Amino acid sequence: MIISKEILDELLKGVERPEDLLGDAGLMKELKIKLMERMLGAVLSCSGLTQPLDILLCEAVV
């Protein structure tokens, strides 16, 4: 996948200091969280675990 210059520019719009990119509240951490949430949502959707109780029961079994 290629990330376009426009998307990259939009993501970096608020980055003015290194901390804005790499700090505890920086863009990289936010991107990592959002990507993990998206992947987890896809996995849960594919496995049919859409209700909180289903997720808890699955975790109890694992």
N, C-alpha and C. Protein backbone atom coordinates (compact mmCIF):
# COMPACT_ATOMS: atom_id res chain seq x y z
N MET A 1 0.84 -1.18 0.00
CA MET A 1 0.00 0.00 0.00
C MET A 1 0.88 1.24 0.00
N ILE A 2 0.49 2.20 -0.78
CA ILE A 2 1.23 3.45 -0.85
C ILE A 2 0.42 4.54 -0.16
N ILE A 3 1.05 5.26 0.73
CA ILE A 3 0.40 6.37 1.42
C ILE A 3 0.68 7.63 0.60
N SER A 4 -0.38 8.27 0.17
CA SER A 4 -0.21 9.44 -0.69
C SER A 4 0.39 10.61 0.09
N LYS A 5 0.99 11.52 -0.64
CA LYS A 5 1.58 12.72 -0.06
C LYS A 5 0.50 13.54 0.66
N GLU A 6 -0.69 13.58 0.08
CA GLU A 6 -1.79 14.34 0.68
C GLU A 6 -2.20 13.78 2.04
N ILE A 7 -2.28 12.47 2.13
CA ILE A 7 -2.64 11.85 3.41
C ILE A 7 -1.54 12.09 4.43
N LEU A 8 -0.31 11.93 4.02
CA LEU A 8 0.81 12.17 4.93
C LEU A 8 0.84 13.63 5.39
N ASP A 9 0.61 14.55 4.47
CA ASP A 9 0.56 15.98 4.84
C ASP A 9 -0.55 16.24 5.85
N GLU A 10 -1.70 15.62 5.65
CA GLU A 10 -2.82 15.79 6.58
C GLU A 10 -2.47 15.25 7.97
N LEU A 11 -1.85 14.09 8.02
CA LEU A 11 -1.46 13.50 9.30
C LEU A 11 -0.43 14.36 10.03
N LEU A 12 0.48 14.94 9.29
CA LEU A 12 1.57 15.71 9.89
C LEU A 12 1.22 17.18 10.12
N LYS A 13 0.01 17.56 9.82
CA LYS A 13 -0.39 18.96 9.91
C LYS A 13 -0.13 19.58 11.28
N GLY A 14 -0.40 18.88 12.35
CA GLY A 14 -0.22 19.44 13.69
C GLY A 14 1.13 19.15 14.32
N VAL A 15 2.01 18.49 13.60
CA VAL A 15 3.32 18.12 14.16
C VAL A 15 4.29 19.29 14.01
N GLU A 16 4.70 19.82 15.15
CA GLU A 16 5.65 20.94 15.14
C GLU A 16 6.94 20.61 15.87
N ARG A 17 6.87 19.64 16.77
CA ARG A 17 8.04 19.27 17.57
C ARG A 17 8.20 17.75 17.52
N PRO A 18 9.38 17.24 17.84
CA PRO A 18 9.56 15.79 17.85
C PRO A 18 8.56 15.07 18.76
N GLU A 19 8.21 15.70 19.88
CA GLU A 19 7.26 15.09 20.81
C GLU A 19 5.88 14.92 20.19
N ASP A 20 5.53 15.83 19.27
CA ASP A 20 4.24 15.73 18.60
C ASP A 20 4.15 14.48 17.74
N LEU A 21 5.29 14.00 17.31
CA LEU A 21 5.33 12.81 16.48
C LEU A 21 5.60 11.55 17.30
N LEU A 22 6.57 11.64 18.21
CA LEU A 22 7.05 10.44 18.90
C LEU A 22 6.75 10.39 20.40
N GLY A 23 6.18 11.44 20.95
CA GLY A 23 5.92 11.49 22.39
C GLY A 23 4.79 10.59 22.83
N ASP A 24 4.53 10.58 24.14
CA ASP A 24 3.48 9.73 24.71
C ASP A 24 2.09 10.04 24.14
N ALA A 25 1.87 11.27 23.75
CA ALA A 25 0.59 11.65 23.15
C ALA A 25 0.77 12.00 21.67
N GLY A 26 1.82 11.46 21.08
CA GLY A 26 2.17 11.82 19.71
C GLY A 26 1.40 11.06 18.64
N LEU A 27 1.62 11.48 17.43
CA LEU A 27 0.95 10.92 16.27
C LEU A 27 1.23 9.42 16.12
N MET A 28 2.46 8.99 16.31
CA MET A 28 2.79 7.58 16.13
C MET A 28 2.02 6.69 17.11
N LYS A 29 1.91 7.13 18.34
CA LYS A 29 1.16 6.35 19.33
C LYS A 29 -0.32 6.31 18.96
N GLU A 30 -0.85 7.44 18.55
CA GLU A 30 -2.26 7.52 18.15
C GLU A 30 -2.53 6.62 16.94
N LEU A 31 -1.64 6.64 15.97
CA LEU A 31 -1.79 5.78 14.79
C LEU A 31 -1.76 4.31 15.18
N LYS A 32 -0.84 3.96 16.07
CA LYS A 32 -0.72 2.57 16.51
C LYS A 32 -2.01 2.12 17.20
N ILE A 33 -2.56 2.96 18.05
CA ILE A 33 -3.80 2.63 18.76
C ILE A 33 -4.94 2.46 17.77
N LYS A 34 -5.08 3.40 16.85
CA LYS A 34 -6.18 3.34 15.88
C LYS A 34 -6.06 2.12 14.97
N LEU A 35 -4.84 1.79 14.55
CA LEU A 35 -4.65 0.60 13.72
C LEU A 35 -4.98 -0.68 14.48
N MET A 36 -4.56 -0.75 15.73
CA MET A 36 -4.86 -1.94 16.54
C MET A 36 -6.36 -2.07 16.76
N GLU A 37 -7.04 -0.96 17.03
CA GLU A 37 -8.50 -1.00 17.21
C GLU A 37 -9.17 -1.48 15.93
N ARG A 38 -8.71 -1.00 14.80
CA ARG A 38 -9.29 -1.39 13.51
C ARG A 38 -9.08 -2.88 13.26
N MET A 39 -7.86 -3.37 13.52
CA MET A 39 -7.57 -4.78 13.31
C MET A 39 -8.38 -5.65 14.27
N LEU A 40 -8.48 -5.24 15.52
CA LEU A 40 -9.24 -6.00 16.50
C LEU A 40 -10.71 -6.04 16.09
N GLY A 41 -11.24 -4.92 15.63
CA GLY A 41 -12.63 -4.88 15.18
C GLY A 41 -12.86 -5.82 14.01
N ALA A 42 -11.92 -5.89 13.09
CA ALA A 42 -12.05 -6.78 11.94
C ALA A 42 -12.01 -8.23 12.38
N VAL A 43 -11.13 -8.56 13.30
CA VAL A 43 -11.03 -9.93 13.80
C VAL A 43 -12.32 -10.33 14.51
N LEU A 44 -12.83 -9.44 15.34
CA LEU A 44 -14.05 -9.75 16.07
C LEU A 44 -15.24 -9.89 15.13
N SER A 45 -15.30 -9.05 14.11
CA SER A 45 -16.39 -9.14 13.14
C SER A 45 -16.33 -10.46 12.37
N CYS A 46 -15.14 -10.85 11.97
CA CYS A 46 -14.97 -12.09 11.21
C CYS A 46 -15.28 -13.32 12.05
N SER A 47 -15.02 -13.24 13.34
CA SER A 47 -15.24 -14.40 14.19
C SER A 47 -16.63 -14.43 14.79
N GLY A 48 -17.43 -13.39 14.53
CA GLY A 48 -18.79 -13.35 15.04
C GLY A 48 -18.89 -12.83 16.46
N LEU A 49 -17.79 -12.40 17.03
CA LEU A 49 -17.81 -11.88 18.40
C LEU A 49 -18.10 -10.38 18.35
N THR A 50 -19.36 -10.04 18.38
CA THR A 50 -19.73 -8.64 18.26
C THR A 50 -20.30 -8.07 19.55
N GLN A 51 -20.71 -8.91 20.45
CA GLN A 51 -21.29 -8.45 21.71
C GLN A 51 -20.25 -8.52 22.82
N PRO A 52 -20.27 -7.57 23.75
CA PRO A 52 -19.29 -7.58 24.84
C PRO A 52 -19.26 -8.90 25.61
N LEU A 53 -20.42 -9.51 25.83
CA LEU A 53 -20.46 -10.78 26.56
C LEU A 53 -19.74 -11.87 25.78
N ASP A 54 -19.91 -11.90 24.46
CA ASP A 54 -19.20 -12.87 23.63
C ASP A 54 -17.69 -12.72 23.78
N ILE A 55 -17.24 -11.48 23.80
CA ILE A 55 -15.81 -11.21 23.91
C ILE A 55 -15.30 -11.69 25.27
N LEU A 56 -16.04 -11.41 26.33
CA LEU A 56 -15.62 -11.85 27.66
C LEU A 56 -15.58 -13.36 27.75
N LEU A 57 -16.57 -14.03 27.18
CA LEU A 57 -16.59 -15.49 27.22
C LEU A 57 -15.42 -16.06 26.43
N CYS A 58 -15.11 -15.45 25.30
CA CYS A 58 -13.99 -15.91 24.49
C CYS A 58 -12.69 -15.76 25.26
N GLU A 59 -12.50 -14.63 25.94
CA GLU A 59 -11.29 -14.41 26.72
C GLU A 59 -11.19 -15.40 27.87
N ALA A 60 -12.33 -15.76 28.45
CA ALA A 60 -12.31 -16.71 29.57
C ALA A 60 -11.87 -18.09 29.10
N VAL A 61 -12.22 -18.45 27.88
CA VAL A 61 -11.86 -19.75 27.33
C VAL A 61 -10.40 -19.79 26.95
N VAL A 62 -9.90 -18.69 26.42
CA VAL A 62 -8.51 -18.63 25.97
C VAL A 62 -7.64 -18.54 27.16
